[in-house]
């Protein structure tokens, strides 16, 4: 018997601007729900979280909550103004958790809560907000883009915390890997309606295409105007999937070519203009080293970056990603070694700070310097038509930048930069605040770009879908050069760690004393035969499970599978969940044994 919901919304309706943002929506959240809230930018996802939390009131509808239920919301951009330190922010409000609980979470996240709130970085603020939210021990946790500004280590920690969490959560995120690993049901906010299906995010895209196909068939029976939308729903989504598959095959070919060169060491119309540069090698780094004080950030790094390469830089915050990026683009000189750039290299930089977007400026000011026309790759185009290419309502041409959502601001910046001619594209955390549809379009643009791309990102799925070479930094100065994406780098690290952690000789030679006697070593805890066997075979088993999950997810991505074979769709979904549980258990078992071996 299903557990009674801890929170319910019936006939939820909210009027916004000149019409209804959504109307007569029903939502029920059970005690252990793991919900992914999906929808395009502007659909009202953040607004829905605020309605669920009780921060804002609906115009119509009834909100019911079990007595004693504690709801905590992690906002996308928490308000830190007016607080002296991060701890002052965390302790603010009558429902603030106790200091010791905050300090415990902050310690695990590696954040100093005595940091000045005003000067703290985006990553430090995000960690402080997480410490406050998680320390509150909520029954229902609402997360709005929780991985923004977090490095990979912090994302891994957060995933582990949420997997152990006993309450319910609803999350908005652009991080596909994060959603696939954690969610068990999907709530889809689309064109004013709310749909729920008890499948994790891994099955969302197939479900979405099934819904669009059904809508297209229904619309096909109506008037000609609706038939136009039906054509887009039925053909556009499927066509994009086919294009993406073609681009992925091209990406795999490029990775294979790059691996051979490295050797054993190692519906928006978004297009980028490129020049006619024919130079093959565009950036050459030779034995580059960079130090700050006594710490070596980059040591003896060499790489030849060719025209058309897509280079991803990954690593924890402070590991040296930005330093390496600045050296590769010529902004920072190395202490030793050299970096040579092609003379005709001309780059476009898109950073996560959106520094060119002043809140007081209008959209037309950002795109066309206040005019009605914009030069797009040498072609003069009306600004309203160009806005349509980037999924904007043309009526927003005179809107102030400050009134746009974070995702809309990021999309506006992409529209501005993609109109410029370049042969080098530098992206610093480009996925922050973008919805999944815009992310798909950004991946298409990178795949079709003829120039070279440098990407700093913590979005694992985005890197796996875009880059040909990954530069992995661990903070020691060493840079791993791996042909492939994030998953390839992570696999190499796991294999290297397993090789280093070989079991010690259980029968060491006894030491000989001066009088000829042998020294008796103190007795140590011995591994049983089963322990030793598990320690040796689990790494390979973990790899097998991960490969099986990848194969099943690939099969699940078939847009026609649900309609053609719903039983297999359900079987694959269940198999993926069971495999993930087995993989988690195997990893925990191996880590326990590794600690025994090292002890």
Protein backbone atom coordinates (compact mmCIF):
# COMPACT_ATOMS: atom_id res chain seq x y z
CA UNK A 1 0.00 0.00 0.00
CA UNK A 2 1.41 3.38 -1.03
CA UNK A 3 2.30 5.78 1.75
CA UNK A 4 0.04 8.78 2.26
CA UNK A 5 1.48 11.98 0.73
CA UNK A 6 3.24 14.40 3.08
CA UNK A 7 2.19 17.29 0.82
CA UNK A 8 -0.55 17.72 -1.77
CA UNK A 9 -1.58 20.52 -4.10
CA UNK A 10 -4.97 20.28 -5.76
CA UNK A 11 -6.11 22.63 -8.56
CA UNK A 12 -2.94 24.73 -8.17
CA UNK A 13 -3.37 27.89 -10.28
CA UNK A 14 -1.21 30.99 -10.57
CA UNK A 15 -1.89 34.11 -12.60
CA UNK A 16 1.15 35.95 -13.89
CA UNK A 17 1.29 38.98 -16.14
CA UNK A 18 -1.53 38.87 -18.67
CA UNK A 19 -2.47 35.23 -18.22
CA UNK A 20 -2.19 32.04 -16.23
CA UNK A 21 1.28 30.61 -15.71
CA UNK A 22 -0.44 27.31 -14.89
CA UNK A 23 -3.95 26.31 -13.94
CA UNK A 24 -5.67 23.42 -12.14
CA UNK A 25 -2.52 21.39 -11.52
CA UNK A 26 -2.42 18.51 -9.03
CA UNK A 27 0.76 17.44 -7.26
CA UNK A 28 1.27 14.82 -4.53
CA UNK A 29 4.61 14.14 -2.80
CA UNK A 30 5.15 10.94 -0.80
CA UNK A 31 7.58 10.58 2.14
CA UNK A 32 10.42 8.99 0.12
CA UNK A 33 9.86 10.55 -3.30
CA UNK A 34 12.92 11.42 -5.41
CA UNK A 35 11.45 13.78 -7.98
CA UNK A 36 13.04 15.46 -10.99
CA UNK A 37 11.13 18.64 -11.92
CA UNK A 38 11.62 19.17 -15.66
CA UNK A 39 10.55 22.02 -17.93
CA UNK A 40 11.86 24.72 -20.26
CA UNK A 41 13.12 28.03 -18.95
CA UNK A 42 10.10 30.21 -18.19
CA UNK A 43 7.75 27.26 -17.67
CA UNK A 44 7.51 28.10 -13.95
CA UNK A 45 9.70 25.43 -12.31
CA UNK A 46 11.19 27.72 -9.64
CA UNK A 47 7.78 29.28 -9.05
CA UNK A 48 6.33 25.82 -8.46
CA UNK A 49 9.03 25.05 -5.87
CA UNK A 50 8.10 28.27 -4.07
CA UNK A 51 4.43 27.30 -4.11
CA UNK A 52 5.29 23.87 -2.70
CA UNK A 53 7.46 25.42 0.03
CA UNK A 54 4.75 27.93 0.94
CA UNK A 55 6.96 30.92 0.12
CA UNK A 56 4.31 32.28 -2.25
CA UNK A 57 0.56 31.69 -2.42
CA UNK A 58 -1.42 30.45 -5.39
CA UNK A 59 -4.39 32.35 -6.81
CA UNK A 60 -6.48 29.18 -6.64
CA UNK A 61 -6.10 25.69 -5.23
CA UNK A 62 -5.65 23.88 -1.94
CA UNK A 63 -2.32 23.03 -0.31
CA UNK A 64 -2.39 20.22 2.27
CA UNK A 65 0.55 19.19 4.42
CA UNK A 66 0.99 16.56 7.10
CA UNK A 67 1.39 18.14 10.57
CA UNK A 68 5.03 18.47 11.62
CA UNK A 69 6.42 18.18 8.09
CA UNK A 70 9.55 20.32 7.75
CA UNK A 71 10.14 21.78 4.26
CA UNK A 72 13.45 23.44 3.30
CA UNK A 73 14.23 25.06 -0.05
CA UNK A 74 17.69 25.62 -1.50
CA UNK A 75 17.31 28.63 -3.79
CA UNK A 76 19.27 29.01 -7.00
CA UNK A 77 20.62 32.43 -5.97
CA UNK A 78 20.35 32.86 -2.17
CA UNK A 79 20.39 36.42 -0.85
CA UNK A 80 23.64 37.09 1.06
CA UNK A 81 23.52 40.90 1.24
CA UNK A 82 23.54 42.23 4.78
CA UNK A 83 25.29 39.24 6.36
CA UNK A 84 28.82 39.67 7.71
CA UNK A 85 29.85 36.03 7.34
CA UNK A 86 28.57 32.85 5.74
CA UNK A 87 27.70 31.54 9.19
CA UNK A 88 25.58 34.64 9.89
CA UNK A 89 23.63 33.79 6.72
CA UNK A 90 23.21 30.15 7.77
CA UNK A 91 22.02 31.04 11.28
CA UNK A 92 19.49 33.63 10.11
CA UNK A 93 15.78 33.04 10.68
CA UNK A 94 13.68 31.31 13.29
CA UNK A 95 13.92 27.95 11.50
CA UNK A 96 17.73 28.03 11.22
CA UNK A 97 19.50 24.80 12.24
CA UNK A 98 21.86 24.75 15.24
CA UNK A 99 25.44 25.94 14.72
CA UNK A 100 27.01 22.54 15.44
CA UNK A 101 24.88 20.87 12.75
CA UNK A 102 25.88 23.53 10.21
CA UNK A 103 29.56 23.18 11.12
CA UNK A 104 29.37 19.39 10.69
CA UNK A 105 27.99 19.66 7.13
CA UNK A 106 30.31 22.58 6.29
CA UNK A 107 33.31 20.52 7.37
CA UNK A 108 32.35 17.73 4.99
CA UNK A 109 31.82 20.24 2.18
CA UNK A 110 35.16 21.93 2.91
CA UNK A 111 33.80 25.43 3.46
CA UNK A 112 34.98 27.94 6.08
CA UNK A 113 31.77 29.48 7.43
CA UNK A 114 33.70 32.43 8.91
CA UNK A 115 34.37 33.71 5.36
CA UNK A 116 33.13 37.20 4.56
CA UNK A 117 29.75 36.80 2.86
CA UNK A 118 30.12 39.70 0.43
CA UNK A 119 33.50 38.60 -0.97
CA UNK A 120 32.79 34.85 -1.00
CA UNK A 121 32.86 33.14 -4.38
CA UNK A 122 29.83 31.53 -6.02
CA UNK A 123 31.09 28.09 -5.00
CA UNK A 124 31.58 29.15 -1.37
CA UNK A 125 28.11 30.67 -1.21
CA UNK A 126 26.57 27.56 -2.73
CA UNK A 127 28.31 25.36 -0.13
CA UNK A 128 27.15 27.63 2.70
CA UNK A 129 23.55 27.49 1.45
CA UNK A 130 23.79 23.70 1.16
CA UNK A 131 25.16 23.43 4.70
CA UNK A 132 22.20 25.42 6.01
CA UNK A 133 19.62 23.41 4.04
CA UNK A 134 20.99 19.94 4.77
CA UNK A 135 21.66 20.64 8.45
CA UNK A 136 17.98 21.55 8.87
CA UNK A 137 17.07 17.82 8.59
CA UNK A 138 13.98 18.46 6.42
CA UNK A 139 11.25 15.96 5.61
CA UNK A 140 10.97 17.53 2.14
CA UNK A 141 13.97 19.12 0.46
CA UNK A 142 13.46 21.40 -2.55
CA UNK A 143 16.61 21.94 -4.63
CA UNK A 144 16.90 24.58 -7.36
CA UNK A 145 20.03 23.89 -9.46
CA UNK A 146 22.02 22.50 -6.50
CA UNK A 147 25.14 21.66 -8.54
CA UNK A 148 25.68 25.21 -9.87
CA UNK A 149 29.16 26.47 -8.87
CA UNK A 150 30.07 23.13 -7.24
CA UNK A 151 33.17 21.22 -8.28
CA UNK A 152 33.13 17.49 -9.02
CA UNK A 153 34.19 16.47 -5.51
CA UNK A 154 31.35 18.47 -3.94
CA UNK A 155 28.83 17.08 -6.46
CA UNK A 156 29.94 13.53 -5.63
CA UNK A 157 29.55 14.27 -1.91
CA UNK A 158 26.07 15.75 -2.43
CA UNK A 159 24.99 12.73 -4.47
CA UNK A 160 26.14 10.42 -1.67
CA UNK A 161 24.28 12.49 0.95
CA UNK A 162 21.04 12.44 -1.04
CA UNK A 163 21.31 8.69 -1.65
CA UNK A 164 21.41 8.17 2.14
CA UNK A 165 18.75 10.82 2.85
CA UNK A 166 15.55 9.40 4.37
CA UNK A 167 13.22 12.22 3.37
CA UNK A 168 11.70 13.28 0.05
CA UNK A 169 13.22 15.73 -2.40
CA UNK A 170 12.25 17.54 -5.58
CA UNK A 171 15.10 18.87 -7.71
CA UNK A 172 15.51 21.21 -10.68
CA UNK A 173 18.82 20.61 -12.42
CA UNK A 174 20.47 20.77 -15.83
CA UNK A 175 22.98 18.10 -14.72
CA UNK A 176 21.77 14.94 -16.46
CA UNK A 177 24.19 12.66 -14.61
CA UNK A 178 23.04 14.04 -11.25
CA UNK A 179 19.39 13.47 -12.17
CA UNK A 180 19.95 9.99 -13.60
CA UNK A 181 21.78 8.80 -10.49
CA UNK A 182 19.30 10.13 -7.93
CA UNK A 183 15.74 10.48 -9.20
CA UNK A 184 13.05 7.78 -9.20
CA UNK A 185 10.15 9.77 -10.67
CA UNK A 186 9.78 12.67 -13.10
CA UNK A 187 7.40 15.63 -12.85
CA UNK A 188 7.19 17.42 -16.20
CA UNK A 189 5.89 20.99 -16.40
CA UNK A 190 5.04 21.55 -20.06
CA UNK A 191 2.82 24.14 -21.78
CA UNK A 192 0.86 24.82 -18.60
CA UNK A 193 0.20 21.17 -17.73
CA UNK A 194 1.86 18.94 -15.15
CA UNK A 195 2.58 15.26 -15.82
CA UNK A 196 4.13 12.71 -13.51
CA UNK A 197 5.62 9.31 -14.30
CA UNK A 198 7.34 6.99 -11.87
CA UNK A 199 10.53 6.64 -13.89
CA UNK A 200 13.84 8.32 -13.14
CA UNK A 201 15.31 10.93 -15.42
CA UNK A 202 17.00 8.18 -17.45
CA UNK A 203 13.64 7.35 -19.01
CA UNK A 204 12.40 10.93 -19.34
CA UNK A 205 13.38 11.64 -22.94
CA UNK A 206 11.69 8.52 -24.30
CA UNK A 207 8.56 9.37 -22.29
CA UNK A 208 8.68 12.99 -23.55
CA UNK A 209 8.82 11.88 -27.18
CA UNK A 210 5.94 9.49 -26.61
CA UNK A 211 3.82 12.37 -25.22
CA UNK A 212 4.78 14.64 -28.12
CA UNK A 213 3.89 11.93 -30.63
CA UNK A 214 0.48 11.44 -28.98
CA UNK A 215 -0.11 15.23 -29.00
CA UNK A 216 0.88 15.37 -32.66
CA UNK A 217 -1.61 12.65 -33.60
CA UNK A 218 -4.35 14.44 -31.66
CA UNK A 219 -3.52 17.80 -33.23
CA UNK A 220 -3.47 16.22 -36.67
CA UNK A 221 -7.25 15.86 -36.41
CA UNK A 222 -7.72 19.60 -35.84
CA UNK A 223 -7.30 22.63 -38.08
CA UNK A 224 -4.33 23.39 -40.33
CA UNK A 225 -2.73 25.79 -37.87
CA UNK A 226 -2.41 23.06 -35.27
CA UNK A 227 -1.06 20.70 -37.93
CA UNK A 228 2.00 22.95 -38.19
CA UNK A 229 2.73 22.45 -34.50
CA UNK A 230 1.93 18.76 -34.88
CA UNK A 231 4.58 18.49 -37.59
CA UNK A 232 7.15 20.05 -35.23
CA UNK A 233 6.16 17.82 -32.36
CA UNK A 234 6.22 14.63 -34.41
CA UNK A 235 9.16 15.39 -36.71
CA UNK A 236 11.25 18.01 -34.92
CA UNK A 237 11.98 16.10 -31.73
CA UNK A 238 12.68 12.82 -33.49
CA UNK A 239 14.79 14.55 -36.13
CA UNK A 240 16.87 16.20 -33.43
CA UNK A 241 17.44 12.82 -31.77
CA UNK A 242 18.67 11.41 -35.10
CA UNK A 243 20.97 14.41 -35.60
CA UNK A 244 22.33 14.00 -32.10
CA UNK A 245 23.05 10.32 -32.74
CA UNK A 246 24.91 11.27 -35.90
CA UNK A 247 26.94 13.85 -34.03
CA UNK A 248 27.75 11.37 -31.28
CA UNK A 249 29.05 8.90 -33.86
CA UNK A 250 31.21 11.67 -35.32
CA UNK A 251 32.45 12.51 -31.81
CA UNK A 252 33.44 8.88 -31.16
CA UNK A 253 35.38 8.82 -34.44
CA UNK A 254 37.20 12.02 -33.48
CA UNK A 255 38.05 10.56 -30.06
CA UNK A 256 39.45 7.40 -31.64
CA UNK A 257 41.60 9.47 -33.98
CA UNK A 258 42.81 11.62 -31.09
CA UNK A 259 43.58 8.56 -28.95
CA UNK A 260 45.81 7.21 -31.69
CA UNK A 261 47.65 10.55 -31.85
CA UNK A 262 48.07 10.82 -28.08
CA UNK A 263 49.44 7.31 -27.77
CA UNK A 264 49.54 5.29 -24.57
CA UNK A 265 50.06 8.40 -22.40
CA UNK A 266 47.61 9.81 -22.80
CA UNK A 267 14.63 23.93 -32.62
CA UNK A 268 16.92 26.95 -32.28
CA UNK A 269 19.15 27.94 -35.20
CA UNK A 270 22.39 28.29 -33.30
CA UNK A 271 25.47 28.46 -35.49
CA UNK A 272 28.92 29.91 -34.96
CA UNK A 273 30.71 31.88 -37.59
CA UNK A 274 34.31 30.82 -38.29
CA UNK A 275 37.03 32.27 -40.44
CA UNK A 276 39.06 30.44 -43.06
CA UNK A 277 42.00 29.54 -40.82
CA UNK A 278 43.76 26.50 -42.30
CA UNK A 279 46.46 26.08 -39.66
CA UNK A 280 46.34 22.56 -38.21
CA UNK A 281 48.03 23.21 -34.85
CA UNK A 282 46.49 26.23 -33.14
CA UNK A 283 47.95 25.94 -29.60
CA UNK A 284 51.16 24.14 -28.68
CA UNK A 285 52.18 23.77 -25.03
CA UNK A 286 55.70 22.43 -24.41
CA UNK A 287 56.82 21.39 -20.88
CA UNK A 288 54.75 24.13 -19.26
CA UNK A 289 55.15 24.70 -15.50
CA UNK A 290 53.41 27.26 -13.29
CA UNK A 291 53.88 27.88 -9.57
CA UNK A 292 52.24 30.18 -7.05
CA UNK A 293 54.58 30.56 -4.11
CA UNK A 294 55.84 27.10 -3.17
CA UNK A 295 52.90 25.30 -4.71
CA UNK A 296 53.24 23.87 -8.21
CA UNK A 297 49.92 24.24 -10.05
CA UNK A 298 50.97 22.83 -13.45
CA UNK A 299 54.13 20.74 -13.97
CA UNK A 300 55.78 19.72 -17.26
CA UNK A 301 52.56 19.84 -19.26
CA UNK A 302 52.77 19.32 -23.02
CA UNK A 303 49.98 19.15 -25.59
CA UNK A 304 49.42 20.05 -29.21
CA UNK A 305 45.87 21.33 -29.73
CA UNK A 306 44.68 21.09 -33.31
CA UNK A 307 42.03 22.93 -35.22
CA UNK A 308 38.70 21.27 -34.50
CA UNK A 309 39.68 19.83 -31.11
CA UNK A 310 37.17 20.10 -28.27
CA UNK A 311 39.19 20.23 -25.04
CA UNK A 312 37.49 19.76 -21.65
CA UNK A 313 39.20 20.84 -18.41
CA UNK A 314 38.03 19.09 -15.23
CA UNK A 315 39.10 18.94 -11.60
CA UNK A 316 38.27 20.22 -8.16
CA UNK A 317 38.08 23.94 -7.42
CA UNK A 318 41.62 25.20 -6.89
CA UNK A 319 43.22 22.38 -8.89
CA UNK A 320 44.46 24.80 -11.57
CA UNK A 321 41.83 24.65 -14.34
CA UNK A 322 41.57 28.42 -14.74
CA UNK A 323 45.35 28.81 -14.57
CA UNK A 324 45.84 26.25 -17.33
CA UNK A 325 43.08 27.81 -19.42
CA UNK A 326 44.65 31.27 -19.13
CA UNK A 327 48.04 29.90 -20.22
CA UNK A 328 46.55 28.05 -23.19
CA UNK A 329 44.83 31.24 -24.39
CA UNK A 330 47.96 33.39 -23.90
CA UNK A 331 46.52 35.43 -21.05
CA UNK A 332 49.06 34.11 -18.52
CA UNK A 333 52.76 33.35 -19.04
CA UNK A 334 54.18 30.05 -17.68
CA UNK A 335 57.16 30.07 -15.31
CA UNK A 336 58.97 27.65 -17.60
CA UNK A 337 58.22 26.00 -20.89
CA UNK A 338 56.34 27.69 -23.71
CA UNK A 339 52.88 28.14 -25.20
CA UNK A 340 52.69 29.01 -28.90
CA UNK A 341 49.43 30.28 -30.43
CA UNK A 342 48.59 30.46 -34.13
CA UNK A 343 48.91 34.05 -35.33
CA UNK A 344 45.41 34.09 -36.80
CA UNK A 345 43.73 32.71 -33.67
CA UNK A 346 40.73 34.82 -32.66
CA UNK A 347 38.69 33.74 -29.69
CA UNK A 348 35.28 34.31 -28.13
CA UNK A 349 35.02 33.93 -24.35
CA UNK A 350 31.73 33.05 -22.66
CA UNK A 351 32.12 33.06 -18.88
CA UNK A 352 29.79 32.13 -16.04
CA UNK A 353 29.70 35.65 -14.61
CA UNK A 354 27.70 37.16 -17.51
CA UNK A 355 29.78 40.29 -16.92
CA UNK A 356 28.57 42.06 -20.08
CA UNK A 357 24.91 41.82 -19.06
CA UNK A 358 24.12 44.96 -17.09
CA UNK A 359 20.65 44.66 -15.44
CA UNK A 360 19.64 48.13 -16.68
CA UNK A 361 20.32 47.35 -20.35
CA UNK A 362 17.58 46.31 -22.72
CA UNK A 363 17.80 43.13 -24.77
CA UNK A 364 18.30 45.20 -27.95
CA UNK A 365 21.19 47.04 -26.25
CA UNK A 366 23.00 43.77 -25.60
CA UNK A 367 22.44 42.33 -29.07
CA UNK A 368 22.32 45.31 -31.42
CA UNK A 369 23.67 48.29 -29.45
CA UNK A 370 20.17 49.71 -29.21
CA UNK A 371 19.26 49.25 -32.87
CA UNK A 372 16.87 46.98 -34.78
CA UNK A 373 19.44 45.06 -36.80
CA UNK A 374 22.30 42.75 -35.87
CA UNK A 375 25.24 41.54 -37.95
CA UNK A 376 25.10 37.74 -37.70
CA UNK A 377 28.14 36.11 -39.27
CA UNK A 378 28.31 38.81 -41.90
CA UNK A 379 24.57 38.77 -42.63
CA UNK A 380 22.31 41.63 -41.51
CA UNK A 381 19.30 40.30 -39.62
CA UNK A 382 16.39 41.90 -37.77
CA UNK A 383 16.79 41.53 -34.02
CA UNK A 384 13.29 40.10 -33.47
CA UNK A 385 13.90 37.33 -35.98
CA UNK A 386 17.23 36.55 -34.33
CA UNK A 387 15.56 36.33 -30.91
CA UNK A 388 13.21 33.66 -32.28
CA UNK A 389 16.25 31.60 -33.25
CA UNK A 390 17.17 31.47 -29.57
CA UNK A 391 13.71 30.55 -28.26
CA UNK A 392 12.86 34.09 -27.11
CA UNK A 393 9.53 35.83 -27.52
CA UNK A 394 10.29 38.68 -29.98
CA UNK A 395 8.30 40.96 -27.68
CA UNK A 396 11.17 40.82 -25.19
CA UNK A 397 13.30 43.05 -27.40
CA UNK A 398 12.82 46.04 -25.06
CA UNK A 399 12.82 44.07 -21.79
CA UNK A 400 15.46 44.93 -19.21
CA UNK A 401 18.13 42.29 -18.68
CA UNK A 402 17.45 42.37 -14.93
CA UNK A 403 13.89 41.10 -15.50
CA UNK A 404 15.09 37.94 -17.29
CA UNK A 405 15.60 34.66 -15.47
CA UNK A 406 19.12 33.30 -15.00
CA UNK A 407 18.57 30.82 -17.83
CA UNK A 408 17.27 33.53 -20.16
CA UNK A 409 20.28 35.72 -19.38
CA UNK A 410 22.62 32.84 -20.24
CA UNK A 411 20.73 32.27 -23.48
CA UNK A 412 20.96 35.97 -24.32
CA UNK A 413 24.72 35.86 -23.80
CA UNK A 414 24.97 32.85 -26.11
CA UNK A 415 22.96 34.71 -28.76
CA UNK A 416 25.29 37.70 -28.50
CA UNK A 417 28.52 35.72 -28.73
CA UNK A 418 27.39 33.28 -31.40
CA UNK A 419 26.86 36.16 -33.82
CA UNK A 420 30.58 37.01 -33.72
CA UNK A 421 33.20 35.51 -36.01
CA UNK A 422 35.82 33.33 -34.30
CA UNK A 423 38.01 30.26 -34.62
CA UNK A 424 38.46 29.66 -30.88
CA UNK A 425 35.55 29.30 -28.46
CA UNK A 426 36.29 29.41 -24.71
CA UNK A 427 33.43 28.32 -22.43
CA UNK A 428 33.71 28.74 -18.64
CA UNK A 429 30.91 26.80 -16.91
CA UNK A 430 28.55 27.29 -19.88
CA UNK A 431 25.81 25.00 -18.56
CA UNK A 432 24.86 27.01 -15.46
CA UNK A 433 21.21 28.15 -15.58
CA UNK A 434 20.46 26.56 -18.97
CA UNK A 435 17.45 24.29 -19.40
CA UNK A 436 17.88 20.87 -20.97
CA UNK A 437 16.59 21.94 -24.38
CA UNK A 438 19.05 24.84 -24.60
CA UNK A 439 21.82 22.48 -23.47
CA UNK A 440 20.97 20.16 -26.37
CA UNK A 441 21.22 23.09 -28.75
CA UNK A 442 24.54 24.20 -27.27
CA UNK A 443 25.89 20.68 -27.80
CA UNK A 444 24.78 20.84 -31.43
CA UNK A 445 26.53 24.17 -31.93
CA UNK A 446 29.78 22.86 -30.49
CA UNK A 447 29.55 19.72 -32.64
CA UNK A 448 29.05 21.81 -35.80
CA UNK A 449 31.72 24.41 -34.94
CA UNK A 450 34.73 24.29 -37.27
CA UNK A 451 37.08 25.99 -34.84
CA UNK A 452 38.67 24.87 -31.57
CA UNK A 453 36.77 24.73 -28.29
CA UNK A 454 38.10 24.94 -24.72
CA UNK A 455 35.53 24.06 -22.03
CA UNK A 456 35.80 24.32 -18.24
CA UNK A 457 32.83 22.47 -16.77
CA UNK A 458 31.65 20.30 -13.89
CA UNK A 459 28.75 18.95 -15.96
CA UNK A 460 29.80 15.35 -16.59
CA UNK A 461 27.14 14.49 -19.17
CA UNK A 462 27.82 17.69 -21.12
CA UNK A 463 31.52 16.85 -21.33
CA UNK A 464 30.80 13.27 -22.38
CA UNK A 465 28.64 14.57 -25.24
CA UNK A 466 30.98 17.29 -26.51
CA UNK A 467 34.73 16.96 -25.91
CA UNK A 468 37.33 14.92 -27.78
CA UNK A 469 40.11 15.32 -25.19
CA UNK A 470 39.83 15.73 -21.41
CA UNK A 471 42.51 17.41 -19.31
CA UNK A 472 42.11 16.13 -15.75
CA UNK A 473 43.78 18.07 -12.92
CA UNK A 474 44.18 16.68 -9.40
CA UNK A 475 45.87 19.72 -7.78
CA UNK A 476 49.33 18.13 -7.59
CA UNK A 477 50.57 19.73 -10.81
CA UNK A 478 50.00 16.62 -12.92
CA UNK A 479 47.60 16.88 -15.85
CA UNK A 480 46.04 13.71 -17.26
CA UNK A 481 45.52 13.91 -21.02
CA UNK A 482 42.73 11.49 -21.97
CA UNK A 483 41.09 10.97 -25.35
CA UNK A 484 37.36 11.12 -24.57
CA UNK A 485 35.07 12.75 -22.04
CA UNK A 486 34.64 12.83 -18.28
CA UNK A 487 33.66 9.15 -18.05
CA UNK A 488 36.89 8.16 -19.83
CA UNK A 489 38.97 10.22 -17.41
CA UNK A 490 37.12 8.81 -14.39
CA UNK A 491 37.63 5.26 -15.69
CA UNK A 492 41.35 5.85 -16.06
CA UNK A 493 41.59 7.24 -12.51
CA UNK A 494 39.69 4.25 -11.09
CA UNK A 495 41.95 1.78 -12.88
CA UNK A 496 45.07 3.61 -11.73
CA UNK A 497 43.86 3.69 -8.12
CA UNK A 498 43.08 -0.03 -8.25
CA UNK A 499 46.58 -0.76 -9.58
CA UNK A 500 48.19 1.29 -6.81
CA UNK A 501 46.14 -0.41 -4.10
CA UNK A 502 47.47 -3.93 -4.67
CA UNK A 503 47.25 -6.17 -1.62
CA UNK A 504 50.50 -6.33 0.36
CA UNK A 505 52.47 -9.56 0.70
CA UNK A 506 50.73 -11.48 3.51
CA UNK A 507 54.01 -13.30 4.35
CA UNK A 508 56.76 -10.66 4.66
CA UNK A 509 60.26 -11.87 5.44
CA UNK A 510 61.01 -11.57 9.17
CA UNK A 511 63.67 -9.08 10.19
CA UNK A 512 66.96 -10.55 11.50
CA UNK A 513 68.20 -9.24 14.86
CA UNK A 514 71.86 -8.68 15.83
CA UNK A 515 72.07 -11.97 17.80
CA UNK A 516 70.79 -13.98 14.86
CA UNK A 517 67.22 -14.34 16.09
CA UNK A 518 64.36 -13.19 13.89
CA UNK A 519 62.01 -10.45 14.92
CA UNK A 520 58.40 -11.53 15.29
CA UNK A 521 56.07 -9.06 13.57
CA UNK A 522 52.98 -8.02 15.50
CA UNK A 523 49.89 -9.89 14.48
CA UNK A 524 47.60 -8.08 12.09
CA UNK A 525 44.00 -8.67 11.13
CA UNK A 526 43.93 -11.08 8.20
CA UNK A 527 41.56 -11.02 5.29
CA UNK A 528 39.44 -14.10 4.91
CA UNK A 529 39.54 -15.99 1.65
CA UNK A 530 36.21 -14.40 0.67
CA UNK A 531 37.50 -10.91 1.55
CA UNK A 532 40.63 -11.39 -0.56
CA UNK A 533 38.56 -12.77 -3.42
CA UNK A 534 36.08 -9.85 -3.31
CA UNK A 535 38.92 -7.34 -3.15
CA UNK A 536 40.43 -8.73 -6.34
CA UNK A 537 37.29 -9.23 -8.44
CA UNK A 538 35.06 -6.29 -7.42
CA UNK A 539 36.80 -3.59 -9.54
CA UNK A 540 36.16 -5.63 -12.69
CA UNK A 541 32.59 -6.35 -11.58
CA UNK A 542 31.94 -2.64 -10.98
CA UNK A 543 33.16 -1.90 -14.52
CA UNK A 544 30.87 -4.63 -15.90
CA UNK A 545 27.84 -3.20 -14.09
CA UNK A 546 28.64 0.33 -15.29
CA UNK A 547 28.91 -0.95 -18.88
CA UNK A 548 25.59 -2.79 -18.55
CA UNK A 549 23.91 0.34 -17.21
CA UNK A 550 25.27 2.31 -20.17
CA UNK A 551 23.97 -0.31 -22.63
CA UNK A 552 20.51 -0.38 -21.04
CA UNK A 553 20.32 3.42 -20.97
CA UNK A 554 21.30 3.51 -24.63
CA UNK A 555 18.51 1.05 -25.45
CA UNK A 556 16.08 3.08 -23.34
CA UNK A 557 16.89 6.19 -25.36
CA UNK A 558 15.19 4.68 -28.44
CA UNK A 559 12.30 7.14 -29.01
CA UNK A 560 10.00 4.42 -30.36
CA UNK A 561 10.69 1.81 -27.68
CA UNK A 562 7.85 2.71 -25.32
CA UNK A 563 5.24 2.57 -28.10
CA UNK A 564 6.72 -0.51 -29.77
CA UNK A 565 7.48 -2.58 -26.66
CA UNK A 566 6.23 -1.11 -23.36
CA UNK A 567 7.15 -4.30 -21.49
CA UNK A 568 10.80 -4.01 -22.53
CA UNK A 569 10.74 -0.29 -21.63
CA UNK A 570 9.57 -1.21 -18.10
CA UNK A 571 12.05 -4.09 -17.90
CA UNK A 572 14.99 -1.87 -18.85
CA UNK A 573 13.95 0.83 -16.39
CA UNK A 574 13.76 -1.72 -13.56
CA UNK A 575 17.06 -3.34 -14.59
CA UNK A 576 18.85 0.01 -14.50
CA UNK A 577 17.61 0.73 -10.99
CA UNK A 578 18.67 -2.70 -9.75
CA UNK A 579 22.08 -2.40 -11.43
CA UNK A 580 22.72 0.99 -9.85
CA UNK A 581 21.88 -0.42 -6.43
CA UNK A 582 24.26 -3.37 -7.02
CA UNK A 583 27.01 -1.01 -8.22
CA UNK A 584 26.65 1.19 -5.12
CA UNK A 585 26.83 -1.85 -2.84
CA UNK A 586 29.87 -3.24 -4.67
CA UNK A 587 31.70 0.09 -4.42
CA UNK A 588 31.01 0.33 -0.68
CA UNK A 589 32.20 -3.26 -0.14
CA UNK A 590 35.43 -2.67 -2.08
CA UNK A 591 36.21 0.53 -0.17
CA UNK A 592 35.76 -1.29 3.13
CA UNK A 593 38.15 -4.01 2.01
CA UNK A 594 40.65 -1.43 0.71
CA UNK A 595 40.75 0.16 4.16
CA UNK A 596 41.47 -3.26 5.73
CA UNK A 597 44.27 -3.91 3.23
CA UNK A 598 45.85 -0.51 3.78
CA UNK A 599 45.54 -0.95 7.56
